[in-house]
Amino acid sequence: MNNSDRLQPEQERGKELKCLPTSILDVKWSYRWEVYRRLKALGIECKCATNEPLRVNLYSPTTAIQIWSVLRQKNSPRHELINWLDDCWQTRAIAN
């Protein structure tokens, strides 16, 4: 297997991504740039311009879950996030 064989699927996936529609996220204007920077850090394709909504490319279930998680961190009250984290730790302790 040469290097061009390994790169082929990524190149094909890149072509598919360009064909997918962009989704507009309903994000509070005060959080928009913060969410945008976090999604970029996660490697999620998104666009955000002045006085425009945040747009993202949803191209996989993993991307959708990451977007959901970022939005949840911004939109949920702190006590809900703390309870959710506690539940995760309890579930992990029971599994071990």
PDB file of N, CA and C in Angstrom:
ATOM      1  N   MET A   1       0.854  -1.174   0.000  1.00  0.00           N
ATOM      2  CA  MET A   1       0.000   0.000   0.000  1.00  0.00           C
ATOM      3  C   MET A   1       0.900   1.237   0.000  1.00  0.00           C
ATOM      4  N   ASN A   2       0.761   2.072  -0.985  1.00  0.00           N
ATOM      5  CA  ASN A   2       1.553   3.294  -1.003  1.00  0.00           C
ATOM      6  C   ASN A   2       0.770   4.447  -0.379  1.00  0.00           C
ATOM      7  N   ASN A   3       1.434   5.586  -0.217  1.00  0.00           N
ATOM      8  CA  ASN A   3       0.799   6.730   0.457  1.00  0.00           C
ATOM      9  C   ASN A   3      -0.442   7.225  -0.271  1.00  0.00           C
ATOM     10  N   SER A   4      -0.437   7.182  -1.590  1.00  0.00           N
ATOM     11  CA  SER A   4      -1.599   7.689  -2.324  1.00  0.00           C
ATOM     12  C   SER A   4      -2.830   6.822  -2.069  1.00  0.00           C
ATOM     13  N   ASP A   5      -2.634   5.518  -1.804  1.00  0.00           N
ATOM     14  CA  ASP A   5      -3.757   4.638  -1.492  1.00  0.00           C
ATOM     15  C   ASP A   5      -4.387   5.007  -0.144  1.00  0.00           C
ATOM     16  N   ARG A   6      -3.545   5.369   0.823  1.00  0.00           N
ATOM     17  CA  ARG A   6      -4.059   5.731   2.146  1.00  0.00           C
ATOM     18  C   ARG A   6      -4.792   7.061   2.117  1.00  0.00           C
ATOM     19  N   LEU A   7      -4.391   7.959   1.264  1.00  0.00           N
ATOM     20  CA  LEU A   7      -5.001   9.276   1.207  1.00  0.00           C
ATOM     21  C   LEU A   7      -6.298   9.286   0.398  1.00  0.00           C
ATOM     22  N   GLN A   8      -6.493   8.310  -0.427  1.00  0.00           N
ATOM     23  CA  GLN A   8      -7.650   8.292  -1.316  1.00  0.00           C
ATOM     24  C   GLN A   8      -8.991   8.419  -0.584  1.00  0.00           C
ATOM     25  N   PRO A   9      -9.264   7.632   0.461  1.00  0.00           N
ATOM     26  CA  PRO A   9     -10.560   7.769   1.118  1.00  0.00           C
ATOM     27  C   PRO A   9     -10.783   9.173   1.689  1.00  0.00           C
ATOM     28  N   GLU A  10      -9.739   9.807   2.250  1.00  0.00           N
ATOM     29  CA  GLU A  10      -9.885  11.151   2.786  1.00  0.00           C
ATOM     30  C   GLU A  10     -10.207  12.141   1.682  1.00  0.00           C
ATOM     31  N   GLN A  11      -9.568  11.986   0.542  1.00  0.00           N
ATOM     32  CA  GLN A  11      -9.833  12.890  -0.565  1.00  0.00           C
ATOM     33  C   GLN A  11     -11.271  12.726  -1.048  1.00  0.00           C
ATOM     34  N   GLU A  12     -11.751  11.491  -1.098  1.00  0.00           N
ATOM     35  CA  GLU A  12     -13.130  11.239  -1.519  1.00  0.00           C
ATOM     36  C   GLU A  12     -14.104  11.791  -0.488  1.00  0.00           C
ATOM     37  N   ARG A  13     -13.780  11.632   0.801  1.00  0.00           N
ATOM     38  CA  ARG A  13     -14.648  12.149   1.849  1.00  0.00           C
ATOM     39  C   ARG A  13     -14.726  13.670   1.762  1.00  0.00           C
ATOM     40  N   GLY A  14     -13.638  14.326   1.445  1.00  0.00           N
ATOM     41  CA  GLY A  14     -13.620  15.770   1.293  1.00  0.00           C
ATOM     42  C   GLY A  14     -14.557  16.227   0.198  1.00  0.00           C
ATOM     43  N   LYS A  15     -14.661  15.461  -0.874  1.00  0.00           N
ATOM     44  CA  LYS A  15     -15.581  15.799  -1.961  1.00  0.00           C
ATOM     45  C   LYS A  15     -17.024  15.688  -1.495  1.00  0.00           C
ATOM     46  N   GLU A  16     -17.318  14.653  -0.678  1.00  0.00           N
ATOM     47  CA  GLU A  16     -18.665  14.466  -0.160  1.00  0.00           C
ATOM     48  C   GLU A  16     -19.058  15.616   0.759  1.00  0.00           C
ATOM     49  N   LEU A  17     -18.115  16.094   1.565  1.00  0.00           N
ATOM     50  CA  LEU A  17     -18.410  17.153   2.513  1.00  0.00           C
ATOM     51  C   LEU A  17     -18.855  18.426   1.816  1.00  0.00           C
ATOM     52  N   LYS A  18     -18.263  18.728   0.695  1.00  0.00           N
ATOM     53  CA  LYS A  18     -18.597  19.953  -0.009  1.00  0.00           C
ATOM     54  C   LYS A  18     -20.019  19.910  -0.562  1.00  0.00           C
ATOM     55  N   CYS A  19     -20.552  18.722  -0.754  1.00  0.00           N
ATOM     56  CA  CYS A  19     -21.884  18.579  -1.334  1.00  0.00           C
ATOM     57  C   CYS A  19     -22.993  18.655  -0.290  1.00  0.00           C
ATOM     58  N   LEU A  20     -22.660  18.516   0.970  1.00  0.00           N
ATOM     59  CA  LEU A  20     -23.687  18.491   2.008  1.00  0.00           C
ATOM     60  C   LEU A  20     -24.173  19.901   2.340  1.00  0.00           C
ATOM     61  N   PRO A  21     -25.448  20.027   2.699  1.00  0.00           N
ATOM     62  CA  PRO A  21     -25.973  21.345   3.050  1.00  0.00           C
ATOM     63  C   PRO A  21     -25.433  21.817   4.394  1.00  0.00           C
ATOM     64  N   THR A  22     -25.422  23.109   4.567  1.00  0.00           N
ATOM     65  CA  THR A  22     -24.998  23.718   5.812  1.00  0.00           C
ATOM     66  C   THR A  22     -26.207  23.912   6.701  1.00  0.00           C
ATOM     67  N   SER A  23     -26.040  23.644   7.981  1.00  0.00           N
ATOM     68  CA  SER A  23     -27.121  23.843   8.954  1.00  0.00           C
ATOM     69  C   SER A  23     -26.859  25.110   9.753  1.00  0.00           C
ATOM     70  N   ILE A  24     -27.924  25.801  10.062  1.00  0.00           N
ATOM     71  CA  ILE A  24     -27.821  27.004  10.889  1.00  0.00           C
ATOM     72  C   ILE A  24     -28.111  26.613  12.323  1.00  0.00           C
ATOM     73  N   LEU A  25     -27.217  26.988  13.231  1.00  0.00           N
ATOM     74  CA  LEU A  25     -27.408  26.678  14.637  1.00  0.00           C
ATOM     75  C   LEU A  25     -28.082  27.842  15.345  1.00  0.00           C
ATOM     76  N   ASP A  26     -29.010  27.515  16.206  1.00  0.00           N
ATOM     77  CA  ASP A  26     -29.677  28.524  17.009  1.00  0.00           C
ATOM     78  C   ASP A  26     -28.853  28.729  18.275  1.00  0.00           C
ATOM     79  N   VAL A  27     -27.995  29.737  18.242  1.00  0.00           N
ATOM     80  CA  VAL A  27     -27.084  30.020  19.346  1.00  0.00           C
ATOM     81  C   VAL A  27     -27.318  31.455  19.801  1.00  0.00           C
ATOM     82  N   LYS A  28     -27.318  31.653  21.111  1.00  0.00           N
ATOM     83  CA  LYS A  28     -27.437  33.012  21.620  1.00  0.00           C
ATOM     84  C   LYS A  28     -26.308  33.854  21.021  1.00  0.00           C
ATOM     85  N   TRP A  29     -26.639  35.069  20.644  1.00  0.00           N
ATOM     86  CA  TRP A  29     -25.649  35.933  19.989  1.00  0.00           C
ATOM     87  C   TRP A  29     -24.427  36.152  20.872  1.00  0.00           C
ATOM     88  N   SER A  30     -24.612  36.187  22.177  1.00  0.00           N
ATOM     89  CA  SER A  30     -23.482  36.430  23.074  1.00  0.00           C
ATOM     90  C   SER A  30     -22.513  35.246  23.120  1.00  0.00           C
ATOM     91  N   TYR A  31     -22.987  34.035  22.773  1.00  0.00           N
ATOM     92  CA  TYR A  31     -22.142  32.836  22.797  1.00  0.00           C
ATOM     93  C   TYR A  31     -21.632  32.441  21.413  1.00  0.00           C
ATOM     94  N   ARG A  32     -22.129  33.084  20.388  1.00  0.00           N
ATOM     95  CA  ARG A  32     -21.890  32.636  19.011  1.00  0.00           C
ATOM     96  C   ARG A  32     -20.404  32.472  18.679  1.00  0.00           C
ATOM     97  N   TRP A  33     -19.582  33.478  18.973  1.00  0.00           N
ATOM     98  CA  TRP A  33     -18.168  33.400  18.615  1.00  0.00           C
ATOM     99  C   TRP A  33     -17.425  32.382  19.468  1.00  0.00           C
ATOM    100  N   GLU A  34     -17.837  32.259  20.725  1.00  0.00           N
ATOM    101  CA  GLU A  34     -17.224  31.270  21.612  1.00  0.00           C
ATOM    102  C   GLU A  34     -17.507  29.853  21.106  1.00  0.00           C
ATOM    103  N   VAL A  35     -18.749  29.598  20.717  1.00  0.00           N
ATOM    104  CA  VAL A  35     -19.137  28.297  20.165  1.00  0.00           C
ATOM    105  C   VAL A  35     -18.392  28.059  18.851  1.00  0.00           C
ATOM    106  N   TYR A  36     -18.320  29.071  18.018  1.00  0.00           N
ATOM    107  CA  TYR A  36     -17.601  28.969  16.742  1.00  0.00           C
ATOM    108  C   TYR A  36     -16.148  28.546  16.969  1.00  0.00           C
ATOM    109  N   ARG A  37     -15.458  29.209  17.884  1.00  0.00           N
ATOM    110  CA  ARG A  37     -14.044  28.880  18.147  1.00  0.00           C
ATOM    111  C   ARG A  37     -13.898  27.457  18.676  1.00  0.00           C
ATOM    112  N   ARG A  38     -14.831  27.007  19.525  1.00  0.00           N
ATOM    113  CA  ARG A  38     -14.766  25.648  20.074  1.00  0.00           C
ATOM    114  C   ARG A  38     -14.988  24.607  18.976  1.00  0.00           C
ATOM    115  N   LEU A  39     -15.959  24.859  18.099  1.00  0.00           N
ATOM    116  CA  LEU A  39     -16.207  23.928  16.998  1.00  0.00           C
ATOM    117  C   LEU A  39     -14.999  23.860  16.064  1.00  0.00           C
ATOM    118  N   LYS A  40     -14.381  25.001  15.788  1.00  0.00           N
ATOM    119  CA  LYS A  40     -13.168  25.019  14.959  1.00  0.00           C
ATOM    120  C   LYS A  40     -12.059  24.207  15.619  1.00  0.00           C
ATOM    121  N   ALA A  41     -11.916  24.354  16.940  1.00  0.00           N
ATOM    122  CA  ALA A  41     -10.897  23.604  17.675  1.00  0.00           C
ATOM    123  C   ALA A  41     -11.140  22.096  17.584  1.00  0.00           C
ATOM    124  N   LEU A  42     -12.408  21.706  17.478  1.00  0.00           N
ATOM    125  CA  LEU A  42     -12.760  20.288  17.333  1.00  0.00           C
ATOM    126  C   LEU A  42     -12.615  19.799  15.894  1.00  0.00           C
ATOM    127  N   GLY A  43     -12.293  20.715  14.981  1.00  0.00           N
ATOM    128  CA  GLY A  43     -12.128  20.339  13.579  1.00  0.00           C
ATOM    129  C   GLY A  43     -13.432  20.280  12.805  1.00  0.00           C
ATOM    130  N   ILE A  44     -14.462  20.942  13.313  1.00  0.00           N
ATOM    131  CA  ILE A  44     -15.760  20.944  12.646  1.00  0.00           C
ATOM    132  C   ILE A  44     -15.840  22.154  11.722  1.00  0.00           C
ATOM    133  N   GLU A  45     -16.207  21.906  10.479  1.00  0.00           N
ATOM    134  CA  GLU A  45     -16.321  22.981   9.501  1.00  0.00           C
ATOM    135  C   GLU A  45     -17.496  23.878   9.870  1.00  0.00           C
ATOM    136  N   CYS A  46     -17.219  25.164  10.046  1.00  0.00           N
ATOM    137  CA  CYS A  46     -18.287  26.109  10.363  1.00  0.00           C
ATOM    138  C   CYS A  46     -17.908  27.503   9.881  1.00  0.00           C
ATOM    139  N   LYS A  47     -18.936  28.350   9.779  1.00  0.00           N
ATOM    140  CA  LYS A  47     -18.749  29.733   9.335  1.00  0.00           C
ATOM    141  C   LYS A  47     -19.532  30.643  10.256  1.00  0.00           C
ATOM    142  N   CYS A  48     -18.944  31.784  10.531  1.00  0.00           N
ATOM    143  CA  CYS A  48     -19.612  32.766  11.369  1.00  0.00           C
ATOM    144  C   CYS A  48     -19.156  34.148  10.917  1.00  0.00           C
ATOM    145  N   ALA A  49     -20.079  34.961  10.488  1.00  0.00           N
ATOM    146  CA  ALA A  49     -19.763  36.318  10.052  1.00  0.00           C
ATOM    147  C   ALA A  49     -20.523  37.308  10.920  1.00  0.00           C
ATOM    148  N   THR A  50     -20.087  38.544  10.897  1.00  0.00           N
ATOM    149  CA  THR A  50     -20.743  39.583  11.669  1.00  0.00           C
ATOM    150  C   THR A  50     -22.217  39.687  11.278  1.00  0.00           C
ATOM    151  N   ASN A  51     -23.061  39.705  12.293  1.00  0.00           N
ATOM    152  CA  ASN A  51     -24.519  39.810  12.119  1.00  0.00           C
ATOM    153  C   ASN A  51     -25.120  38.689  11.279  1.00  0.00           C
ATOM    154  N   GLU A  52     -24.495  37.545  11.277  1.00  0.00           N
ATOM    155  CA  GLU A  52     -24.988  36.361  10.564  1.00  0.00           C
ATOM    156  C   GLU A  52     -25.071  35.201  11.546  1.00  0.00           C
ATOM    157  N   PRO A  53     -25.958  34.231  11.308  1.00  0.00           N
ATOM    158  CA  PRO A  53     -26.031  33.063  12.205  1.00  0.00           C
ATOM    159  C   PRO A  53     -24.815  32.150  12.018  1.00  0.00           C
ATOM    160  N   LEU A  54     -24.601  31.318  12.991  1.00  0.00           N
ATOM    161  CA  LEU A  54     -23.524  30.329  12.945  1.00  0.00           C
ATOM    162  C   LEU A  54     -23.968  29.179  12.051  1.00  0.00           C
ATOM    163  N   ARG A  55     -23.151  28.843  11.068  1.00  0.00           N
ATOM    164  CA  ARG A  55     -23.469  27.757  10.135  1.00  0.00           C
ATOM    165  C   ARG A  55     -22.420  26.650  10.279  1.00  0.00           C
ATOM    166  N   VAL A  56     -22.890  25.418  10.300  1.00  0.00           N
ATOM    167  CA  VAL A  56     -21.990  24.270  10.429  1.00  0.00           C
ATOM    168  C   VAL A  56     -22.314  23.224   9.374  1.00  0.00           C
ATOM    169  N   ASN A  57     -21.318  22.417   9.044  1.00  0.00           N
ATOM    170  CA  ASN A  57     -21.510  21.283   8.135  1.00  0.00           C
ATOM    171  C   ASN A  57     -21.673  20.024   8.974  1.00  0.00           C
ATOM    172  N   LEU A  58     -22.858  19.449   8.919  1.00  0.00           N
ATOM    173  CA  LEU A  58     -23.118  18.196   9.621  1.00  0.00           C
ATOM    174  C   LEU A  58     -22.849  17.050   8.664  1.00  0.00           C
ATOM    175  N   TYR A  59     -21.747  16.357   8.872  1.00  0.00           N
ATOM    176  CA  TYR A  59     -21.396  15.290   7.945  1.00  0.00           C
ATOM    177  C   TYR A  59     -21.239  13.930   8.601  1.00  0.00           C
ATOM    178  N   SER A  60     -21.500  13.863   9.927  1.00  0.00           N
ATOM    179  CA  SER A  60     -21.446  12.555  10.575  1.00  0.00           C
ATOM    180  C   SER A  60     -22.188  12.618  11.903  1.00  0.00           C
ATOM    181  N   PRO A  61     -22.583  11.472  12.416  1.00  0.00           N
ATOM    182  CA  PRO A  61     -23.222  11.442  13.736  1.00  0.00           C
ATOM    183  C   PRO A  61     -22.286  11.962  14.834  1.00  0.00           C
ATOM    184  N   THR A  62     -21.002  11.691  14.704  1.00  0.00           N
ATOM    185  CA  THR A  62     -20.028  12.172  15.687  1.00  0.00           C
ATOM    186  C   THR A  62     -20.006  13.692  15.722  1.00  0.00           C
ATOM    187  N   THR A  63     -20.055  14.308  14.546  1.00  0.00           N
ATOM    188  CA  THR A  63     -20.084  15.763  14.466  1.00  0.00           C
ATOM    189  C   THR A  63     -21.337  16.304  15.138  1.00  0.00           C
ATOM    190  N   ALA A  64     -22.467  15.678  14.898  1.00  0.00           N
ATOM    191  CA  ALA A  64     -23.720  16.119  15.515  1.00  0.00           C
ATOM    192  C   ALA A  64     -23.643  16.029  17.038  1.00  0.00           C
ATOM    193  N   ILE A  65     -23.058  14.959  17.553  1.00  0.00           N
ATOM    194  CA  ILE A  65     -22.931  14.797  19.001  1.00  0.00           C
ATOM    195  C   ILE A  65     -21.985  15.845  19.582  1.00  0.00           C
ATOM    196  N   GLN A  66     -20.887  16.124  18.881  1.00  0.00           N
ATOM    197  CA  GLN A  66     -19.957  17.143  19.358  1.00  0.00           C
ATOM    198  C   GLN A  66     -20.627  18.517  19.392  1.00  0.00           C
ATOM    199  N   ILE A  67     -21.383  18.834  18.370  1.00  0.00           N
ATOM    200  CA  ILE A  67     -22.093  20.111  18.328  1.00  0.00           C
ATOM    201  C   ILE A  67     -23.110  20.178  19.469  1.00  0.00           C
ATOM    202  N   TRP A  68     -23.861  19.098  19.662  1.00  0.00           N
ATOM    203  CA  TRP A  68     -24.828  19.039  20.754  1.00  0.00           C
ATOM    204  C   TRP A  68     -24.140  19.278  22.095  1.00  0.00           C
ATOM    205  N   SER A  69     -22.994  18.657  22.302  1.00  0.00           N
ATOM    206  CA  SER A  69     -22.270  18.792  23.558  1.00  0.00           C
ATOM    207  C   SER A  69     -21.801  20.229  23.784  1.00  0.00           C
ATOM    208  N   VAL A  70     -21.258  20.855  22.755  1.00  0.00           N
ATOM    209  CA  VAL A  70     -20.795  22.244  22.875  1.00  0.00           C
ATOM    210  C   VAL A  70     -21.973  23.166  23.190  1.00  0.00           C
ATOM    211  N   LEU A  71     -23.084  22.981  22.493  1.00  0.00           N
ATOM    212  CA  LEU A  71     -24.257  23.823  22.735  1.00  0.00           C
ATOM    213  C   LEU A  71     -24.842  23.584  24.120  1.00  0.00           C
ATOM    214  N   ARG A  72     -24.824  22.351  24.550  1.00  0.00           N
ATOM    215  CA  ARG A  72     -25.349  22.028  25.873  1.00  0.00           C
ATOM    216  C   ARG A  72     -24.538  22.712  26.965  1.00  0.00           C
ATOM    217  N   GLN A  73     -23.222  22.755  26.795  1.00  0.00           N
ATOM    218  CA  GLN A  73     -22.372  23.410  27.785  1.00  0.00           C
ATOM    219  C   GLN A  73     -22.692  24.894  27.904  1.00  0.00           C
ATOM    220  N   LYS A  74     -23.127  25.498  26.820  1.00  0.00           N
ATOM    221  CA  LYS A  74     -23.445  26.928  26.822  1.00  0.00           C
ATOM    222  C   LYS A  74     -24.881  27.223  27.247  1.00  0.00           C
ATOM    223  N   ASN A  75     -25.803  26.321  26.953  1.00  0.00           N
ATOM    224  CA  ASN A  75     -27.225  26.602  27.173  1.00  0.00           C
ATOM    225  C   ASN A  75     -27.793  26.037  28.463  1.00  0.00           C
ATOM    226  N   SER A  76     -27.136  25.059  29.049  1.00  0.00           N
ATOM    227  CA  SER A  76     -27.679  24.423  30.253  1.00  0.00           C
ATOM    228  C   SER A  76     -27.228  25.168  31.508  1.00  0.00           C
ATOM    229  N   PRO A  77     -28.098  25.199  32.505  1.00  0.00           N
ATOM    230  CA  PRO A  77     -27.694  25.793  33.786  1.00  0.00           C
ATOM    231  C   PRO A  77     -26.567  24.971  34.415  1.00  0.00           C
ATOM    232  N   ARG A  78     -25.753  25.630  35.183  1.00  0.00           N
ATOM    233  CA  ARG A  78     -24.581  24.986  35.787  1.00  0.00           C
ATOM    234  C   ARG A  78     -24.977  23.765  36.622  1.00  0.00           C
ATOM    235  N   HIS A  79     -26.044  23.859  37.411  1.00  0.00           N
ATOM    236  CA  HIS A  79     -26.425  22.731  38.273  1.00  0.00           C
ATOM    237  C   HIS A  79     -26.796  21.489  37.447  1.00  0.00           C
ATOM    238  N   GLU A  80     -27.384  21.676  36.265  1.00  0.00           N
ATOM    239  CA  GLU A  80     -27.701  20.530  35.401  1.00  0.00           C
ATOM    240  C   GLU A  80     -26.428  19.852  34.902  1.00  0.00           C
ATOM    241  N   LEU A  81     -25.441  20.657  34.533  1.00  0.00           N
ATOM    242  CA  LEU A  81     -24.174  20.095  34.067  1.00  0.00           C
ATOM    243  C   LEU A  81     -23.452  19.348  35.183  1.00  0.00           C
ATOM    244  N   ILE A  82     -23.518  19.880  36.387  1.00  0.00           N
ATOM    245  CA  ILE A  82     -22.895  19.215  37.532  1.00  0.00           C
ATOM    246  C   ILE A  82     -23.585  17.879  37.806  1.00  0.00           C
ATOM    247  N   ASN A  83     -24.914  17.871  37.791  1.00  0.00           N
ATOM    248  CA  ASN A  83     -25.662  16.612  38.006  1.00  0.00           C
ATOM    249  C   ASN A  83     -25.345  15.590  36.928  1.00  0.00           C
ATOM    250  N   TRP A  84     -25.266  16.036  35.677  1.00  0.00           N
ATOM    251  CA  TRP A  84     -24.944  15.140  34.569  1.00  0.00           C
ATOM    252  C   TRP A  84     -23.552  14.538  34.748  1.00  0.00           C
ATOM    253  N   LEU A  85     -22.590  15.373  35.145  1.00  0.00           N
ATOM    254  CA  LEU A  85     -21.227  14.876  35.373  1.00  0.00           C
ATOM    255  C   LEU A  85     -21.194  13.886  36.524  1.00  0.00           C
ATOM    256  N   ASP A  86     -21.912  14.186  37.601  1.00  0.00           N
ATOM    257  CA  ASP A  86     -21.989  13.244  38.727  1.00  0.00           C
ATOM    258  C   ASP A  86     -22.569  11.901  38.286  1.00  0.00           C
ATOM    259  N   ASP A  87     -23.629  11.941  37.475  1.00  0.00           N
ATOM    260  CA  ASP A  87     -24.232  10.704  36.961  1.00  0.00           C
ATOM    261  C   ASP A  87     -23.233   9.915  36.127  1.00  0.00           C
ATOM    262  N   CYS A  88     -22.436  10.604  35.326  1.00  0.00           N
ATOM    263  CA  CYS A  88     -21.424   9.920  34.506  1.00  0.00           C
ATOM    264  C   CYS A  88     -20.407   9.216  35.387  1.00  0.00           C
ATOM    265  N   TRP A  89     -19.959   9.889  36.438  1.00  0.00           N
ATOM    266  CA  TRP A  89     -18.982   9.283  37.338  1.00  0.00           C
ATOM    267  C   TRP A  89     -19.581   8.079  38.060  1.00  0.00           C
ATOM    268  N   GLN A  90     -20.842   8.167  38.474  1.00  0.00           N
ATOM    269  CA  GLN A  90     -21.488   7.049  39.146  1.00  0.00           C
ATOM    270  C   GLN A  90     -21.658   5.865  38.207  1.00  0.00           C
ATOM    271  N   THR A  91     -22.023   6.130  36.975  1.00  0.00           N
ATOM    272  CA  THR A  91     -22.178   5.059  35.988  1.00  0.00           C
ATOM    273  C   THR A  91     -20.844   4.372  35.751  1.00  0.00           C
ATOM    274  N   ARG A  92     -19.771   5.144  35.660  1.00  0.00           N
ATOM    275  CA  ARG A  92     -18.442   4.566  35.443  1.00  0.00           C
ATOM    276  C   ARG A  92     -18.030   3.720  36.648  1.00  0.00           C
ATOM    277  N   ALA A  93     -18.308   4.193  37.855  1.00  0.00           N
ATOM    278  CA  ALA A  93     -17.935   3.450  39.061  1.00  0.00           C
ATOM    279  C   ALA A  93     -18.693   2.116  39.128  1.00  0.00           C
ATOM    280  N   ILE A  94     -19.953   2.110  38.741  1.00  0.00           N
ATOM    281  CA  ILE A  94     -20.755   0.884  38.750  1.00  0.00           C
ATOM    282  C   ILE A  94     -20.242  -0.101  37.691  1.00  0.00           C
ATOM    283  N   ALA A  95     -19.831   0.406  36.529  1.00  0.00           N
ATOM    284  CA  ALA A  95     -19.350  -0.443  35.449  1.00  0.00           C
ATOM    285  C   ALA A  95     -18.040  -1.142  35.805  1.00  0.00           C
ATOM    286  N   ASN A  96     -17.229  -0.495  36.615  1.00  0.00           N
ATOM    287  CA  ASN A  96     -15.930  -1.091  37.012  1.00  0.00           C
ATOM    288  C   ASN A  96     -16.173  -2.032  38.130  1.00  0.00           C
TER     289      ASN A  96
END
